[in-house]
């Protein structure tokens, strides 16, 4: 019986770590990464979920998520909006036709940090999401407040793998 408990415990831990991140085609739960969107990729239209584009999320770690079901969306929303009073309801998503791509920067010690989804494209069955993180330079004037930037976009449902293309931009801020 002890030999069965270990695989069962490992499966429970994996499900707890990646809720709602599985997909219809049996692709890996964790999103992939890529260095660039491939040449010839077809642009995919997306809508920024303004309710999620915030500097003050409660998510203190860096995340890249593909959310394909309501329970994963509610869990993400609970993490995102944990510091907002009164507690807002999450935006309604029809997961039969759409899914959410979300990215967070984690907690930062000042303002001036921004995260955005710059482009979504598809090639050879893989969806690519280009995420840009903007960091203020040492000469930038920023607010002295803890921030946790987050963004999410609504895209047409895609059952194949999703790869994140992360780009960083450091603002120089002239003296």
N, C-alpha and C. Protein backbone atom coordinates (compact mmCIF):
# COMPACT_ATOMS: atom_id res chain seq x y z
N UNK A 1 0.81 -1.19 0.00
CA UNK A 1 0.00 0.00 0.00
C UNK A 1 0.86 1.26 0.00
N UNK A 2 2.02 1.21 0.65
CA UNK A 2 2.88 2.37 0.69
C UNK A 2 3.37 2.76 -0.69
N UNK A 3 3.60 1.78 -1.56
CA UNK A 3 4.08 2.08 -2.91
C UNK A 3 3.03 2.81 -3.74
N UNK A 4 1.77 2.54 -3.50
CA UNK A 4 0.70 3.23 -4.23
C UNK A 4 0.50 4.65 -3.72
N UNK A 5 0.74 4.87 -2.46
CA UNK A 5 0.50 6.19 -1.88
C UNK A 5 1.42 7.25 -2.47
N UNK A 6 2.67 6.89 -2.75
CA UNK A 6 3.61 7.87 -3.28
C UNK A 6 3.17 8.40 -4.65
N UNK A 7 2.84 7.55 -5.63
CA UNK A 7 2.37 8.10 -6.90
C UNK A 7 1.07 8.90 -6.75
N UNK A 8 0.18 8.45 -5.89
CA UNK A 8 -1.07 9.17 -5.68
C UNK A 8 -0.77 10.54 -5.09
N UNK A 9 0.11 10.59 -4.09
CA UNK A 9 0.48 11.87 -3.49
C UNK A 9 1.13 12.79 -4.51
N UNK A 10 2.00 12.25 -5.36
CA UNK A 10 2.65 13.06 -6.40
C UNK A 10 1.61 13.61 -7.37
N UNK A 11 0.62 12.81 -7.73
CA UNK A 11 -0.43 13.28 -8.64
C UNK A 11 -1.25 14.38 -8.00
N UNK A 12 -1.57 14.24 -6.71
CA UNK A 12 -2.32 15.27 -6.01
C UNK A 12 -1.53 16.57 -5.95
N UNK A 13 -0.24 16.47 -5.68
CA UNK A 13 0.61 17.66 -5.63
C UNK A 13 0.65 18.34 -7.00
N UNK A 14 0.79 17.58 -8.08
CA UNK A 14 0.81 18.17 -9.42
C UNK A 14 -0.49 18.87 -9.75
N UNK A 15 -1.61 18.26 -9.40
CA UNK A 15 -2.91 18.88 -9.66
C UNK A 15 -3.05 20.16 -8.85
N UNK A 16 -2.56 20.16 -7.62
CA UNK A 16 -2.64 21.37 -6.78
C UNK A 16 -1.76 22.48 -7.33
N UNK A 17 -0.61 22.14 -7.88
CA UNK A 17 0.30 23.15 -8.40
C UNK A 17 -0.18 23.75 -9.71
N UNK A 18 -0.89 22.99 -10.53
CA UNK A 18 -1.30 23.46 -11.84
C UNK A 18 -2.81 23.32 -12.04
N UNK A 19 -3.64 23.97 -11.21
CA UNK A 19 -5.08 23.83 -11.38
C UNK A 19 -5.53 24.51 -12.67
N UNK A 20 -6.35 23.82 -13.43
CA UNK A 20 -6.94 24.41 -14.61
C UNK A 20 -5.97 24.67 -15.75
N UNK A 21 -4.75 24.22 -15.62
CA UNK A 21 -3.76 24.49 -16.65
C UNK A 21 -3.62 23.34 -17.62
N UNK A 22 -4.37 22.28 -17.42
CA UNK A 22 -4.34 21.20 -18.39
C UNK A 22 -5.11 21.65 -19.61
N UNK A 23 -5.01 20.88 -20.67
CA UNK A 23 -5.74 21.28 -21.86
C UNK A 23 -6.36 20.08 -22.53
N UNK A 24 -7.11 20.38 -23.55
CA UNK A 24 -7.90 19.34 -24.21
C UNK A 24 -7.06 18.33 -24.97
N UNK A 25 -5.86 18.69 -25.38
CA UNK A 25 -5.09 17.82 -26.25
C UNK A 25 -4.00 17.05 -25.52
N UNK A 26 -3.97 17.12 -24.20
CA UNK A 26 -2.99 16.38 -23.44
C UNK A 26 -1.60 16.98 -23.47
N UNK A 27 -1.49 18.26 -23.79
CA UNK A 27 -0.20 18.93 -23.80
C UNK A 27 0.26 19.19 -22.37
N UNK A 28 1.53 19.49 -22.16
CA UNK A 28 2.03 19.72 -20.81
C UNK A 28 1.23 20.81 -20.09
N UNK A 29 1.08 20.65 -18.77
CA UNK A 29 0.32 21.61 -17.99
C UNK A 29 1.04 22.95 -17.92
N UNK A 30 2.35 22.93 -17.77
CA UNK A 30 3.09 24.18 -17.69
C UNK A 30 3.28 24.77 -19.08
N UNK A 31 3.01 26.08 -19.23
CA UNK A 31 3.22 26.70 -20.54
C UNK A 31 4.70 26.62 -20.95
N UNK A 32 4.93 26.61 -22.24
CA UNK A 32 6.29 26.56 -22.76
C UNK A 32 6.82 27.99 -22.87
N UNK A 33 8.12 28.09 -23.16
CA UNK A 33 8.71 29.39 -23.45
C UNK A 33 9.35 29.33 -24.83
N UNK A 34 9.48 30.49 -25.44
CA UNK A 34 10.13 30.59 -26.74
C UNK A 34 10.90 31.91 -26.76
N UNK A 35 11.91 32.01 -27.61
CA UNK A 35 12.69 33.25 -27.67
C UNK A 35 12.04 34.28 -28.58
N UNK A 36 11.29 33.84 -29.57
CA UNK A 36 10.63 34.74 -30.52
C UNK A 36 9.35 34.09 -31.03
N UNK A 37 8.46 34.91 -31.56
CA UNK A 37 7.33 34.39 -32.32
C UNK A 37 7.88 34.03 -33.68
N UNK A 38 7.63 32.81 -34.17
CA UNK A 38 8.23 32.38 -35.45
C UNK A 38 7.76 33.22 -36.64
N UNK A 39 8.63 33.34 -37.61
CA UNK A 39 8.28 34.02 -38.86
C UNK A 39 7.08 33.32 -39.48
N UNK A 40 6.18 34.09 -40.03
CA UNK A 40 5.01 33.53 -40.71
C UNK A 40 3.87 33.15 -39.78
N UNK A 41 4.00 33.42 -38.49
CA UNK A 41 2.91 33.11 -37.56
C UNK A 41 1.73 34.03 -37.84
N UNK A 42 0.53 33.49 -37.74
CA UNK A 42 -0.69 34.24 -37.99
C UNK A 42 -1.11 34.99 -36.72
N UNK A 43 -1.37 36.27 -36.87
CA UNK A 43 -1.81 37.08 -35.73
C UNK A 43 -3.17 36.58 -35.23
N UNK A 44 -3.31 36.51 -33.92
CA UNK A 44 -4.56 36.10 -33.29
C UNK A 44 -5.09 37.32 -32.54
N UNK A 45 -6.36 37.63 -32.77
CA UNK A 45 -6.93 38.78 -32.07
C UNK A 45 -7.13 38.43 -30.59
N UNK A 46 -6.96 39.44 -29.75
CA UNK A 46 -7.15 39.25 -28.33
C UNK A 46 -7.73 40.52 -27.73
N UNK A 47 -8.31 40.37 -26.55
CA UNK A 47 -8.89 41.49 -25.83
C UNK A 47 -8.25 41.56 -24.46
N UNK A 48 -7.71 42.73 -24.11
CA UNK A 48 -7.14 42.91 -22.78
C UNK A 48 -8.28 42.98 -21.78
N UNK A 49 -8.19 42.19 -20.73
CA UNK A 49 -9.18 42.24 -19.66
C UNK A 49 -8.78 43.37 -18.71
N UNK A 50 -9.39 44.51 -18.90
CA UNK A 50 -9.00 45.71 -18.15
C UNK A 50 -9.09 45.52 -16.64
N UNK A 51 -9.99 44.65 -16.18
CA UNK A 51 -10.14 44.40 -14.75
C UNK A 51 -8.89 43.75 -14.17
N UNK A 52 -8.09 43.13 -15.02
CA UNK A 52 -6.89 42.42 -14.56
C UNK A 52 -5.64 43.27 -14.74
N UNK A 53 -5.64 44.20 -15.70
CA UNK A 53 -4.47 45.02 -15.95
C UNK A 53 -4.30 45.98 -14.78
N UNK A 54 -3.42 45.62 -13.87
CA UNK A 54 -3.29 46.37 -12.62
C UNK A 54 -1.86 46.35 -12.10
N UNK A 55 -1.53 47.34 -11.32
CA UNK A 55 -0.25 47.39 -10.62
C UNK A 55 -0.39 46.83 -9.21
N UNK A 56 -1.62 46.66 -8.74
CA UNK A 56 -1.83 46.33 -7.33
C UNK A 56 -2.42 44.95 -7.10
N UNK A 57 -2.06 44.00 -7.92
CA UNK A 57 -2.57 42.65 -7.67
C UNK A 57 -1.98 42.13 -6.36
N UNK A 58 -2.54 41.06 -5.86
CA UNK A 58 -2.03 40.43 -4.65
C UNK A 58 -1.11 39.26 -4.98
N UNK A 59 -0.75 39.09 -6.25
CA UNK A 59 0.11 37.97 -6.67
C UNK A 59 1.56 38.39 -6.53
N UNK A 60 2.26 37.78 -5.59
CA UNK A 60 3.62 38.21 -5.26
C UNK A 60 4.71 37.44 -6.02
N UNK A 61 4.30 36.46 -6.83
CA UNK A 61 5.29 35.71 -7.59
C UNK A 61 5.07 35.89 -9.09
N UNK A 62 6.10 35.60 -9.86
CA UNK A 62 6.03 35.71 -11.32
C UNK A 62 5.28 34.49 -11.85
N UNK A 63 4.29 34.73 -12.71
CA UNK A 63 3.49 33.64 -13.27
C UNK A 63 3.25 33.86 -14.75
N UNK A 64 3.14 32.74 -15.47
CA UNK A 64 2.67 32.71 -16.85
C UNK A 64 1.63 31.61 -16.88
N UNK A 65 0.37 31.98 -17.16
CA UNK A 65 -0.73 31.04 -17.05
C UNK A 65 -1.57 30.97 -18.30
N UNK A 66 -2.05 29.78 -18.59
CA UNK A 66 -3.06 29.55 -19.61
C UNK A 66 -4.27 29.00 -18.86
N UNK A 67 -5.34 29.76 -18.87
CA UNK A 67 -6.52 29.42 -18.07
C UNK A 67 -7.63 29.00 -19.02
N UNK A 68 -8.03 27.73 -18.91
CA UNK A 68 -9.00 27.17 -19.84
C UNK A 68 -10.33 26.77 -19.21
N UNK A 69 -10.51 27.02 -17.91
CA UNK A 69 -11.78 26.66 -17.28
C UNK A 69 -12.14 27.62 -16.15
N UNK A 70 -13.40 27.60 -15.78
CA UNK A 70 -13.93 28.55 -14.80
C UNK A 70 -13.28 28.40 -13.43
N UNK A 71 -13.00 27.19 -12.99
CA UNK A 71 -12.42 27.03 -11.65
C UNK A 71 -11.00 27.60 -11.59
N UNK A 72 -10.21 27.42 -12.64
CA UNK A 72 -8.87 28.01 -12.68
C UNK A 72 -8.96 29.53 -12.75
N UNK A 73 -9.95 30.05 -13.49
CA UNK A 73 -10.15 31.49 -13.60
C UNK A 73 -10.51 32.07 -12.23
N UNK A 74 -11.41 31.41 -11.52
CA UNK A 74 -11.80 31.89 -10.19
C UNK A 74 -10.62 31.84 -9.22
N UNK A 75 -9.80 30.82 -9.29
CA UNK A 75 -8.62 30.72 -8.42
C UNK A 75 -7.63 31.86 -8.72
N UNK A 76 -7.41 32.12 -10.01
CA UNK A 76 -6.53 33.22 -10.40
C UNK A 76 -7.12 34.55 -9.91
N UNK A 77 -8.41 34.75 -10.12
CA UNK A 77 -9.06 35.99 -9.71
C UNK A 77 -8.97 36.17 -8.19
N UNK A 78 -9.16 35.10 -7.44
CA UNK A 78 -9.05 35.18 -5.98
C UNK A 78 -7.66 35.66 -5.57
N UNK A 79 -6.61 35.14 -6.23
CA UNK A 79 -5.25 35.58 -5.94
C UNK A 79 -5.05 37.04 -6.35
N UNK A 80 -5.53 37.38 -7.53
CA UNK A 80 -5.34 38.72 -8.08
C UNK A 80 -6.02 39.79 -7.23
N UNK A 81 -7.26 39.57 -6.86
CA UNK A 81 -8.09 40.60 -6.23
C UNK A 81 -8.13 40.49 -4.70
N UNK A 82 -7.25 39.72 -4.12
CA UNK A 82 -7.31 39.47 -2.67
C UNK A 82 -7.21 40.74 -1.82
N UNK A 83 -6.60 41.80 -2.34
CA UNK A 83 -6.43 43.03 -1.56
C UNK A 83 -7.46 44.11 -1.91
N UNK A 84 -8.42 43.79 -2.77
CA UNK A 84 -9.39 44.80 -3.22
C UNK A 84 -10.64 44.72 -2.36
N UNK A 85 -11.06 45.86 -1.86
CA UNK A 85 -12.29 45.97 -1.06
C UNK A 85 -13.21 46.97 -1.73
N UNK A 86 -14.48 46.74 -1.92
CA UNK A 86 -15.13 45.45 -1.74
C UNK A 86 -14.69 44.45 -2.81
N UNK A 87 -14.80 43.20 -2.48
CA UNK A 87 -14.36 42.12 -3.35
C UNK A 87 -15.15 42.13 -4.66
N UNK A 88 -14.49 42.33 -5.80
CA UNK A 88 -15.22 42.34 -7.08
C UNK A 88 -15.42 40.92 -7.62
N UNK A 89 -16.48 40.75 -8.37
CA UNK A 89 -16.69 39.48 -9.06
C UNK A 89 -15.76 39.42 -10.26
N UNK A 90 -15.30 38.23 -10.63
CA UNK A 90 -14.45 38.13 -11.83
C UNK A 90 -15.26 38.39 -13.09
N UNK A 91 -14.63 38.92 -14.13
CA UNK A 91 -15.34 39.08 -15.40
C UNK A 91 -15.83 37.72 -15.90
N UNK A 92 -17.01 37.70 -16.49
CA UNK A 92 -17.57 36.45 -17.02
C UNK A 92 -16.81 36.05 -18.29
N UNK A 93 -16.43 34.78 -18.36
CA UNK A 93 -15.71 34.24 -19.51
C UNK A 93 -16.47 33.01 -20.01
N UNK A 94 -16.69 32.92 -21.31
CA UNK A 94 -17.28 31.72 -21.91
C UNK A 94 -16.12 30.81 -22.31
N UNK A 95 -15.79 29.85 -21.45
CA UNK A 95 -14.65 28.97 -21.70
C UNK A 95 -14.91 27.93 -22.79
N UNK A 96 -16.13 27.85 -23.30
CA UNK A 96 -16.39 26.98 -24.44
C UNK A 96 -15.79 27.57 -25.71
N UNK A 97 -15.68 28.90 -25.76
CA UNK A 97 -15.19 29.56 -26.97
C UNK A 97 -13.92 30.38 -26.75
N UNK A 98 -13.56 30.64 -25.50
CA UNK A 98 -12.40 31.48 -25.19
C UNK A 98 -11.55 30.88 -24.08
N UNK A 99 -10.37 31.43 -23.90
CA UNK A 99 -9.51 31.11 -22.77
C UNK A 99 -8.76 32.38 -22.40
N UNK A 100 -8.05 32.34 -21.29
CA UNK A 100 -7.34 33.50 -20.78
C UNK A 100 -5.85 33.20 -20.73
N UNK A 101 -5.07 34.15 -21.20
CA UNK A 101 -3.61 34.10 -21.04
C UNK A 101 -3.27 35.19 -20.04
N UNK A 102 -2.59 34.81 -18.95
CA UNK A 102 -2.28 35.77 -17.88
C UNK A 102 -0.79 35.77 -17.58
N UNK A 103 -0.30 36.94 -17.17
CA UNK A 103 1.11 37.07 -16.80
C UNK A 103 1.22 38.04 -15.63
N UNK A 104 2.07 37.69 -14.68
CA UNK A 104 2.32 38.57 -13.54
C UNK A 104 3.83 38.75 -13.38
N UNK A 105 4.21 39.90 -12.85
CA UNK A 105 5.64 40.20 -12.62
C UNK A 105 6.10 39.80 -11.24
N UNK A 106 5.18 39.62 -10.32
CA UNK A 106 5.57 39.40 -8.93
C UNK A 106 5.68 40.74 -8.22
N UNK A 107 5.91 40.66 -6.94
CA UNK A 107 5.95 41.87 -6.11
C UNK A 107 7.20 42.70 -6.39
N UNK A 108 7.02 44.01 -6.46
CA UNK A 108 8.11 44.97 -6.69
C UNK A 108 8.08 46.01 -5.57
N UNK A 109 9.22 46.65 -5.34
CA UNK A 109 9.34 47.58 -4.21
C UNK A 109 9.00 49.03 -4.56
N UNK A 110 8.58 49.28 -5.80
CA UNK A 110 8.20 50.64 -6.17
C UNK A 110 7.24 50.59 -7.35
N UNK A 111 6.74 51.78 -7.72
CA UNK A 111 5.94 51.89 -8.92
C UNK A 111 6.86 51.92 -10.13
N UNK A 112 6.27 52.11 -11.31
CA UNK A 112 7.06 52.20 -12.53
C UNK A 112 7.22 50.88 -13.27
N UNK A 113 6.81 49.78 -12.68
CA UNK A 113 6.88 48.48 -13.33
C UNK A 113 5.58 48.23 -14.07
N UNK A 114 5.67 47.72 -15.29
CA UNK A 114 4.48 47.48 -16.11
C UNK A 114 4.65 46.15 -16.83
N UNK A 115 3.55 45.42 -16.95
CA UNK A 115 3.56 44.18 -17.73
C UNK A 115 2.41 44.25 -18.74
N UNK A 116 2.66 43.77 -19.95
CA UNK A 116 1.62 43.79 -20.98
C UNK A 116 1.80 42.62 -21.94
N UNK A 117 0.71 42.24 -22.57
CA UNK A 117 0.76 41.28 -23.66
C UNK A 117 0.79 42.11 -24.93
N UNK A 118 1.88 41.98 -25.69
CA UNK A 118 2.10 42.80 -26.87
C UNK A 118 1.58 42.17 -28.15
N UNK A 119 1.54 40.84 -28.18
CA UNK A 119 1.13 40.15 -29.41
C UNK A 119 0.75 38.71 -29.08
N UNK A 120 -0.22 38.19 -29.83
CA UNK A 120 -0.58 36.78 -29.77
C UNK A 120 -0.62 36.29 -31.21
N UNK A 121 0.01 35.15 -31.46
CA UNK A 121 0.08 34.60 -32.82
C UNK A 121 0.08 33.07 -32.74
N UNK A 122 -0.23 32.44 -33.88
CA UNK A 122 -0.29 30.97 -33.94
C UNK A 122 0.49 30.47 -35.14
N UNK A 123 1.26 29.42 -34.92
CA UNK A 123 1.95 28.75 -36.03
C UNK A 123 2.11 27.28 -35.69
N UNK A 124 1.78 26.44 -36.65
CA UNK A 124 1.95 24.99 -36.53
C UNK A 124 1.31 24.43 -35.25
N UNK A 125 0.14 24.95 -34.90
CA UNK A 125 -0.60 24.42 -33.77
C UNK A 125 -0.18 24.97 -32.41
N UNK A 126 0.83 25.82 -32.38
CA UNK A 126 1.27 26.42 -31.12
C UNK A 126 0.85 27.88 -31.09
N UNK A 127 0.27 28.29 -29.97
CA UNK A 127 -0.10 29.68 -29.76
C UNK A 127 1.05 30.37 -29.02
N UNK A 128 1.46 31.54 -29.49
CA UNK A 128 2.56 32.30 -28.89
C UNK A 128 2.00 33.58 -28.30
N UNK A 129 2.39 33.89 -27.06
CA UNK A 129 1.99 35.13 -26.41
C UNK A 129 3.26 35.89 -26.04
N UNK A 130 3.41 37.07 -26.63
CA UNK A 130 4.57 37.92 -26.36
C UNK A 130 4.24 38.83 -25.18
N UNK A 131 4.99 38.67 -24.09
CA UNK A 131 4.77 39.43 -22.86
C UNK A 131 5.95 40.36 -22.66
N UNK A 132 5.65 41.64 -22.43
CA UNK A 132 6.72 42.61 -22.19
C UNK A 132 6.67 43.10 -20.75
N UNK A 133 7.82 43.04 -20.08
CA UNK A 133 7.96 43.58 -18.74
C UNK A 133 8.80 44.84 -18.81
N UNK A 134 8.27 45.95 -18.29
CA UNK A 134 8.98 47.23 -18.29
C UNK A 134 9.44 47.50 -16.86
N UNK A 135 10.74 47.80 -16.74
CA UNK A 135 11.36 48.09 -15.45
C UNK A 135 11.90 49.52 -15.48
N UNK A 136 11.62 50.30 -14.43
CA UNK A 136 12.16 51.66 -14.41
C UNK A 136 13.67 51.64 -14.14
N UNK A 137 14.40 52.53 -14.81
CA UNK A 137 15.83 52.64 -14.58
C UNK A 137 16.12 53.33 -13.26
N UNK A 138 17.39 53.32 -12.86
CA UNK A 138 17.77 53.89 -11.56
C UNK A 138 17.53 55.39 -11.49
N UNK A 139 17.49 56.08 -12.63
CA UNK A 139 17.25 57.53 -12.63
C UNK A 139 15.77 57.90 -12.74
N UNK A 140 14.90 56.90 -12.85
CA UNK A 140 13.46 57.16 -12.97
C UNK A 140 12.87 57.56 -11.62
N UNK A 141 11.94 58.49 -11.67
CA UNK A 141 11.20 58.86 -10.47
C UNK A 141 9.98 57.95 -10.40
N UNK A 142 9.86 57.23 -9.30
CA UNK A 142 8.76 56.28 -9.14
C UNK A 142 8.08 56.51 -7.80
N UNK A 143 6.90 55.96 -7.65
CA UNK A 143 6.20 56.01 -6.38
C UNK A 143 6.85 55.04 -5.41
N UNK A 144 6.83 55.38 -4.15
CA UNK A 144 7.41 54.53 -3.12
C UNK A 144 6.31 53.66 -2.52
N UNK A 145 5.93 52.67 -3.30
CA UNK A 145 4.83 51.79 -2.90
C UNK A 145 5.10 50.40 -3.48
N UNK A 146 4.69 49.39 -2.75
CA UNK A 146 4.85 48.02 -3.24
C UNK A 146 3.80 47.76 -4.31
N UNK A 147 4.24 47.23 -5.43
CA UNK A 147 3.33 46.92 -6.54
C UNK A 147 3.47 45.45 -6.93
N UNK A 148 2.52 44.97 -7.69
CA UNK A 148 2.54 43.59 -8.20
C UNK A 148 1.79 43.58 -9.54
N UNK A 149 2.45 44.02 -10.62
CA UNK A 149 1.79 44.14 -11.91
C UNK A 149 1.27 42.81 -12.46
N UNK A 150 0.10 42.89 -13.08
CA UNK A 150 -0.53 41.71 -13.68
C UNK A 150 -1.30 42.13 -14.92
N UNK A 151 -1.45 41.19 -15.85
CA UNK A 151 -2.23 41.42 -17.05
C UNK A 151 -2.85 40.09 -17.48
N UNK A 152 -4.01 40.18 -18.12
CA UNK A 152 -4.64 38.99 -18.70
C UNK A 152 -5.34 39.40 -19.98
N UNK A 153 -5.32 38.51 -20.95
CA UNK A 153 -6.01 38.76 -22.21
C UNK A 153 -6.92 37.57 -22.52
N UNK A 154 -8.01 37.90 -23.19
CA UNK A 154 -8.97 36.91 -23.64
C UNK A 154 -8.67 36.57 -25.09
N UNK A 155 -8.50 35.28 -25.38
CA UNK A 155 -8.20 34.83 -26.74
C UNK A 155 -9.18 33.72 -27.12
N UNK A 156 -9.35 33.49 -28.42
CA UNK A 156 -10.17 32.34 -28.83
C UNK A 156 -9.59 31.05 -28.25
N UNK A 157 -10.47 30.14 -27.87
CA UNK A 157 -10.04 28.87 -27.28
C UNK A 157 -9.08 28.16 -28.23
N UNK A 158 -8.00 27.65 -27.66
CA UNK A 158 -6.96 26.96 -28.41
C UNK A 158 -6.59 25.72 -27.61
N UNK A 159 -6.72 24.54 -28.20
CA UNK A 159 -6.46 23.33 -27.43
C UNK A 159 -5.00 22.88 -27.51
N UNK A 160 -4.22 23.51 -28.36
CA UNK A 160 -2.81 23.13 -28.48
C UNK A 160 -1.94 23.81 -27.44
N UNK A 161 -0.64 23.61 -27.55
CA UNK A 161 0.29 24.21 -26.58
C UNK A 161 0.36 25.73 -26.73
N UNK A 162 0.76 26.37 -25.64
CA UNK A 162 0.95 27.82 -25.61
C UNK A 162 2.39 28.09 -25.16
N UNK A 163 3.07 28.97 -25.89
CA UNK A 163 4.43 29.35 -25.54
C UNK A 163 4.46 30.85 -25.24
N UNK A 164 5.14 31.20 -24.16
CA UNK A 164 5.31 32.60 -23.80
C UNK A 164 6.66 33.08 -24.31
N UNK A 165 6.64 34.25 -24.94
CA UNK A 165 7.85 34.91 -25.41
C UNK A 165 8.02 36.14 -24.51
N UNK A 166 8.97 36.06 -23.59
CA UNK A 166 9.17 37.15 -22.64
C UNK A 166 10.20 38.14 -23.15
N UNK A 167 9.84 39.41 -23.08
CA UNK A 167 10.73 40.50 -23.47
C UNK A 167 10.83 41.47 -22.30
N UNK A 168 12.02 42.01 -22.07
CA UNK A 168 12.22 42.97 -21.00
C UNK A 168 12.68 44.29 -21.58
N UNK A 169 12.18 45.37 -21.01
CA UNK A 169 12.55 46.71 -21.42
C UNK A 169 12.86 47.51 -20.16
N UNK A 170 14.08 48.02 -20.08
CA UNK A 170 14.47 48.87 -18.96
C UNK A 170 14.44 50.31 -19.43
N UNK A 171 13.63 51.13 -18.76
CA UNK A 171 13.54 52.54 -19.13
C UNK A 171 14.78 53.28 -18.62
N UNK A 172 15.41 54.09 -19.46
CA UNK A 172 16.63 54.78 -19.03
C UNK A 172 16.34 55.99 -18.12
N UNK A 173 15.24 56.71 -18.36
CA UNK A 173 14.88 57.91 -17.60
C UNK A 173 16.06 58.86 -17.49
N UNK A 174 16.11 59.83 -18.36
CA UNK A 174 17.20 60.81 -18.39
C UNK A 174 17.23 61.64 -17.12
N UNK A 175 18.43 62.12 -16.71
CA UNK A 175 18.53 62.92 -15.47
C UNK A 175 17.86 64.28 -15.62
